C-alpha cells in the first residue's frame, strides 16, 4: 500500500499534470498560411479559403500540427503580415510583394506554382506590327490594372528598360484586368497592359493585336518564415512538391485550380529584384 501511495503522491501527480499540459500546448500549436491571391481579379475571401483548405489539410498531416488559413486581401496587409512574420507560410501572388519579403530577410521561397513561372505582360493594341521604336509610345495613353499589381510593376519595368520613365507615357489604372481591352477597343487608350491569359486570348480571337511582351516572371510563390526550422520547411516543401502523387494531393490540387508546385530558383529571384526595382 505504501508503494501504491507513493505512485500517487502530490509531487508525482503535479509532474504528470505538467507533462500533459506541455504536450497539449505543443499539439495545439497551429501553423498559419497567409494567402494573397492578388487584387486585380474579382474573387471573394471565402472562395480563396475554400480553394486552399484541402492543401492546408495535406500540410497539417505532413507537419503533424493543425494548419489554418489567413487571407491577406490587400497588398499592404500582406506586406505588413510578412514584415512582422505573422504567418509561418505564405502563398503570395504578387511577385514584388514576395520578393520584397525575401530581400528583407523575413522569408525564403520554397516552391513556385507550376504554370505560373513564365508570367508575361502583353501590350494589347490595334497596330498591325510590334513596337519597333519605343520613342513613339511616349505621350500615348496606356491602361493597366491596379498600380500596385504585379502586372503594373512589370509594365513599369518594361517601360524603364526602353527609356520611358515617369510621365513619359500617360497611364490609366483600372481595377480588374478584364476591363483592359475595353479601353483599347473604344479608343480610350492606345495600349492595354495585361497578363491574364484568358483576356489575351479573347482579344486575339476578336482580331486584336499584341505589340509587345515582357520577360518571364514567376508569380504565386510559396514562402516560409525564416523563424521555422529546416525540418519543418523541408516537410512542407516535400508535401507540396508531391501533391500530384497521392489521391489526397490530387484532390487538393483540383480544389486549388493549380496543377502542382516546383522548386524555385534563387538566381532568377535575384535578377528579378533588380529588374523590377525591388
Protein backbone atom coordinates (compact mmCIF):
# COMPACT_ATOMS: atom_id res chain seq x y z
CA UNK A 1 0.00 0.00 0.00
CA UNK A 2 2.85 2.37 0.79
CA UNK A 3 4.30 1.70 -2.66
CA UNK A 4 0.97 2.45 -4.37
CA UNK A 5 0.52 5.64 -2.33
CA UNK A 6 3.96 6.81 -3.43
CA UNK A 7 2.97 6.43 -7.06
CA UNK A 8 0.11 8.85 -6.47
CA UNK A 9 1.90 11.38 -4.29
CA UNK A 10 1.14 15.10 -4.85
CA UNK A 11 4.59 15.61 -6.39
CA UNK A 12 4.07 12.76 -8.86
CA UNK A 13 0.60 13.99 -9.80
CA UNK A 14 1.90 17.53 -10.32
CA UNK A 15 4.67 16.34 -12.59
CA UNK A 16 2.23 14.25 -14.59
CA UNK A 17 -0.19 17.14 -14.93
CA UNK A 18 2.60 19.47 -16.10
CA UNK A 19 3.73 16.96 -18.71
CA UNK A 20 0.18 16.60 -20.02
CA UNK A 21 -0.21 20.38 -20.23
CA UNK A 22 3.05 20.75 -22.13
CA UNK A 23 2.01 18.03 -24.55
CA UNK A 24 -1.39 19.63 -25.05
CA UNK A 25 0.17 23.03 -25.73
CA UNK A 26 2.61 21.53 -28.22
CA UNK A 27 -0.07 19.61 -30.06
CA UNK A 28 -2.41 22.61 -30.19
CA UNK A 29 0.10 24.89 -31.95
CA UNK A 30 -1.23 25.75 -35.37
CA UNK A 31 0.83 26.79 -38.33
CA UNK A 32 -0.69 29.68 -40.29
CA UNK A 33 -0.70 30.02 -44.08
CA UNK A 34 -1.13 33.58 -45.29
CA UNK A 35 -2.77 33.65 -48.73
CA UNK A 36 -2.61 36.62 -51.09
CA UNK A 37 -4.20 35.98 -54.47
CA UNK A 38 -3.80 39.49 -55.82
CA UNK A 39 -6.18 42.43 -56.17
CA UNK A 40 -6.83 42.55 -59.91
CA UNK A 41 -9.17 39.54 -60.01
CA UNK A 42 -12.73 39.60 -58.74
CA UNK A 43 -12.78 36.74 -56.19
CA UNK A 44 -14.01 36.69 -52.57
CA UNK A 45 -12.12 35.72 -49.42
CA UNK A 46 -14.48 32.77 -48.95
CA UNK A 47 -13.69 31.48 -52.43
CA UNK A 48 -9.94 31.70 -51.81
CA UNK A 49 -10.23 29.98 -48.43
CA UNK A 50 -12.24 27.09 -49.91
CA UNK A 51 -9.58 26.59 -52.57
CA UNK A 52 -6.73 26.37 -50.07
CA UNK A 53 -8.34 24.37 -47.25
CA UNK A 54 -7.52 20.96 -48.86
CA UNK A 55 -3.85 21.99 -49.23
CA UNK A 56 -3.85 23.09 -45.59
CA UNK A 57 -5.14 19.63 -44.63
CA UNK A 58 -2.32 17.93 -46.53
CA UNK A 59 0.26 20.19 -44.90
CA UNK A 60 -1.30 19.54 -41.49
CA UNK A 61 -0.75 15.80 -41.90
CA UNK A 62 2.81 16.32 -43.14
CA UNK A 63 3.68 18.69 -40.28
CA UNK A 64 1.64 16.78 -37.68
CA UNK A 65 0.15 20.04 -36.48
CA UNK A 66 -3.03 21.99 -37.26
CA UNK A 67 -2.74 24.41 -40.18
CA UNK A 68 -5.02 27.41 -40.53
CA UNK A 69 -5.52 29.95 -43.34
CA UNK A 70 -5.30 33.73 -43.06
CA UNK A 71 -6.45 35.69 -46.11
CA UNK A 72 -4.25 38.66 -46.95
CA UNK A 73 -6.66 40.55 -49.21
CA UNK A 74 -4.65 43.73 -49.69
CA UNK A 75 -1.06 44.18 -50.77
CA UNK A 76 -0.20 46.46 -47.85
CA UNK A 77 -1.85 43.98 -45.49
CA UNK A 78 0.29 41.22 -46.99
CA UNK A 79 3.42 43.36 -46.69
CA UNK A 80 2.72 44.11 -43.03
CA UNK A 81 1.98 40.46 -42.22
CA UNK A 82 5.19 39.33 -43.89
CA UNK A 83 7.32 42.11 -42.39
CA UNK A 84 6.08 41.18 -38.92
CA UNK A 85 6.25 37.44 -39.72
CA UNK A 86 2.64 36.97 -38.63
CA UNK A 87 2.32 33.83 -40.77
CA UNK A 88 4.50 30.74 -40.91
CA UNK A 89 3.95 30.07 -44.58
CA UNK A 90 2.61 32.30 -47.32
CA UNK A 91 1.22 31.79 -50.79
CA UNK A 92 1.84 35.15 -52.44
CA UNK A 93 0.53 36.02 -55.90
CA UNK A 94 2.16 39.44 -56.43
CA UNK A 95 5.83 38.65 -57.03
CA UNK A 96 7.01 42.07 -55.96
CA UNK A 97 5.49 41.55 -52.51
CA UNK A 98 7.01 38.07 -52.22
CA UNK A 99 10.41 39.24 -53.46
CA UNK A 100 10.29 42.17 -51.04
CA UNK A 101 9.87 39.77 -48.11
CA UNK A 102 12.70 37.61 -49.44
CA UNK A 103 15.03 40.60 -49.88
CA UNK A 104 14.08 41.83 -46.42
CA UNK A 105 15.24 38.54 -44.93
CA UNK A 106 11.95 37.59 -43.29
CA UNK A 107 11.09 34.76 -45.69
CA UNK A 108 12.58 32.41 -48.25
CA UNK A 109 10.86 30.85 -51.25
CA UNK A 110 10.47 27.09 -51.08
CA UNK A 111 8.13 26.45 -54.02
CA UNK A 112 6.79 28.09 -57.16
CA UNK A 113 3.47 27.34 -58.81
CA UNK A 114 3.55 25.18 -61.93
CA UNK A 115 2.18 27.06 -64.93
CA UNK A 116 2.93 30.43 -63.34
CA UNK A 117 6.72 30.53 -63.70
CA UNK A 118 6.51 32.22 -67.10
CA UNK A 119 4.15 35.14 -66.41
CA UNK A 120 4.40 37.79 -69.13
CA UNK A 121 2.70 41.12 -69.66
CA UNK A 122 1.31 41.74 -73.14
CA UNK A 123 0.53 45.12 -74.65
CA UNK A 124 -2.86 44.91 -76.38
CA UNK A 125 -3.21 47.28 -79.31
CA UNK A 126 -4.80 47.81 -82.73
CA UNK A 127 -1.48 48.20 -84.51
CA UNK A 128 -0.52 45.57 -87.07
CA UNK A 129 3.17 45.39 -86.12
CA UNK A 130 5.10 45.00 -82.84
CA UNK A 131 6.51 48.19 -81.33
CA UNK A 132 9.85 48.83 -83.05
CA UNK A 133 10.51 52.37 -81.86
CA UNK A 134 9.56 52.81 -78.22
CA UNK A 135 10.01 56.58 -78.51
CA UNK A 136 6.75 56.53 -80.49
CA UNK A 137 4.95 55.30 -77.36
CA UNK A 138 5.81 58.47 -75.44
CA UNK A 139 2.83 60.70 -74.85
CA UNK A 140 0.29 57.97 -75.64
CA UNK A 141 -2.32 56.56 -73.31
CA UNK A 142 -1.66 53.21 -71.59
CA UNK A 143 -4.20 51.38 -69.42
CA UNK A 144 -3.17 48.75 -66.91
CA UNK A 145 -4.54 47.15 -63.73
CA UNK A 146 -4.10 48.39 -60.16
CA UNK A 147 -0.88 50.39 -59.82
CA UNK A 148 0.37 48.02 -57.11
CA UNK A 149 -0.39 44.82 -59.03
CA UNK A 150 2.42 42.66 -60.40
CA UNK A 151 1.15 43.41 -63.91
CA UNK A 152 1.66 47.14 -63.32
CA UNK A 153 5.08 46.56 -61.72
CA UNK A 154 6.22 44.51 -64.73
CA UNK A 155 4.80 47.11 -67.12
CA UNK A 156 6.79 49.89 -65.46
CA UNK A 157 9.93 47.72 -65.67
CA UNK A 158 9.27 47.25 -69.41
CA UNK A 159 8.96 51.00 -69.90
CA UNK A 160 12.07 51.75 -67.84
CA UNK A 161 14.25 49.42 -69.89
CA UNK A 162 13.04 51.22 -73.02
CA UNK A 163 13.93 54.61 -71.58
CA UNK A 164 10.34 55.63 -70.83
CA UNK A 165 10.26 56.81 -67.23
CA UNK A 166 7.93 58.81 -65.05
CA UNK A 167 5.21 60.60 -67.01
CA UNK A 168 6.61 59.81 -70.47
CA UNK A 169 3.52 57.64 -71.01
CA UNK A 170 0.03 58.67 -69.90
CA UNK A 171 -1.18 55.92 -67.57
CA UNK A 172 -4.74 55.00 -66.59
CA UNK A 173 -5.38 52.31 -63.99
CA UNK A 174 -8.44 50.07 -63.91
CA UNK A 175 -9.42 47.77 -61.03
CA UNK A 176 -9.61 44.47 -62.91
CA UNK A 177 -7.61 43.03 -65.81
CA UNK A 178 -10.82 42.04 -67.58
CA UNK A 179 -11.57 45.73 -68.16
CA UNK A 180 -8.31 46.48 -70.01
CA UNK A 181 -9.49 45.52 -73.55
CA UNK A 182 -12.50 47.86 -73.27
CA UNK A 183 -10.23 50.90 -73.09
CA UNK A 184 -8.23 49.91 -76.17
CA UNK A 185 -11.22 48.76 -78.19
CA UNK A 186 -13.08 52.01 -77.61
CA UNK A 187 -10.12 54.32 -78.17
CA UNK A 188 -9.60 55.43 -74.58
CA UNK A 189 -6.05 54.03 -74.66
CA UNK A 190 -3.56 53.16 -77.39
CA UNK A 191 -2.18 50.24 -75.37
CA UNK A 192 -3.54 47.95 -72.69
CA UNK A 193 -1.20 46.02 -70.39
CA UNK A 194 -2.44 42.66 -69.16
CA UNK A 195 -1.02 39.26 -68.28
CA UNK A 196 -4.33 37.42 -67.95
CA UNK A 197 -4.19 34.58 -70.49
CA UNK A 198 -7.97 34.48 -70.90
CA UNK A 199 -8.13 38.22 -71.56
CA UNK A 200 -5.31 38.00 -74.12
CA UNK A 201 -6.88 35.01 -75.90
CA UNK A 202 -10.28 36.72 -76.16
CA UNK A 203 -8.59 39.85 -77.50
CA UNK A 204 -6.71 37.91 -80.18
CA UNK A 205 -9.73 35.82 -81.10
CA UNK A 206 -11.59 39.06 -81.76
CA UNK A 207 -8.90 40.30 -84.14
CA UNK A 208 -6.92 42.36 -81.64
CA UNK A 209 -3.13 42.53 -81.75
CA UNK A 210 -0.32 42.19 -79.21
CA UNK A 211 2.51 44.60 -79.97
CA UNK A 212 4.90 43.95 -77.07
CA UNK A 213 5.63 41.28 -74.47
CA UNK A 214 7.66 41.38 -71.26
CA UNK A 215 10.31 38.99 -69.97
CA UNK A 216 9.05 36.00 -67.99
CA UNK A 217 8.36 36.40 -64.27
CA UNK A 218 7.41 33.61 -61.84
CA UNK A 219 4.39 34.51 -59.75
CA UNK A 220 2.44 32.75 -56.98
CA UNK A 221 5.38 31.86 -54.74
CA UNK A 222 5.25 29.78 -51.56
CA UNK A 223 7.28 31.41 -48.78
CA UNK A 224 8.48 30.04 -45.43
CA UNK A 225 9.29 32.21 -42.43
CA UNK A 226 12.97 32.34 -41.51
CA UNK A 227 11.85 31.54 -37.96
CA UNK A 228 10.94 27.98 -38.96
CA UNK A 229 13.47 25.19 -38.59
CA UNK A 230 14.81 23.43 -41.68
CA UNK A 231 12.99 20.17 -40.92
CA UNK A 232 9.61 21.93 -40.90
CA UNK A 233 10.29 23.79 -44.15
CA UNK A 234 11.55 20.62 -45.84
CA UNK A 235 8.46 18.68 -44.75
CA UNK A 236 6.17 21.40 -46.12
CA UNK A 237 8.13 21.60 -49.38
CA UNK A 238 8.13 17.84 -49.89
CA UNK A 239 4.37 17.72 -49.25
CA UNK A 240 3.70 20.45 -51.82
CA UNK A 241 6.01 19.07 -54.49
CA UNK A 242 4.49 15.60 -54.20
CA UNK A 243 0.80 16.56 -54.19
CA UNK A 244 0.19 15.04 -57.62
CA UNK A 245 1.41 11.66 -56.38
CA UNK A 246 -1.36 10.95 -53.86
CA UNK A 247 -5.16 10.87 -54.03
CA UNK A 248 -5.47 13.46 -51.24
CA UNK A 249 -2.92 15.64 -53.01
CA UNK A 250 -4.73 15.38 -56.32
CA UNK A 251 -7.98 16.42 -54.64
CA UNK A 252 -6.21 19.36 -53.02
CA UNK A 253 -4.78 20.46 -56.37
CA UNK A 254 -8.17 20.12 -58.04
CA UNK A 255 -9.76 22.37 -55.41
CA UNK A 256 -6.94 24.92 -55.68
CA UNK A 257 -7.21 25.01 -59.52
CA UNK A 258 -3.41 24.59 -59.72
CA UNK A 259 -1.65 21.60 -61.26
CA UNK A 260 1.34 21.45 -58.92
CA UNK A 261 4.39 23.17 -57.47
CA UNK A 262 8.09 23.18 -58.35
CA UNK A 263 11.45 24.07 -56.80
CA UNK A 264 12.30 27.81 -57.11
CA UNK A 265 15.48 29.45 -58.41
CA UNK A 266 17.29 31.94 -56.19
CA UNK A 267 19.28 33.21 -59.20
CA UNK A 268 16.11 34.12 -61.06
CA UNK A 269 14.76 35.83 -57.95
CA UNK A 270 17.90 37.96 -57.60
CA UNK A 271 17.75 39.00 -61.25
CA UNK A 272 14.09 39.95 -60.97
CA UNK A 273 14.64 42.02 -57.84
CA UNK A 274 16.99 44.21 -59.87
CA UNK A 275 14.78 44.40 -62.98
CA UNK A 276 11.58 45.12 -61.05
CA UNK A 277 13.27 47.72 -58.87
CA UNK A 278 12.80 45.89 -55.57
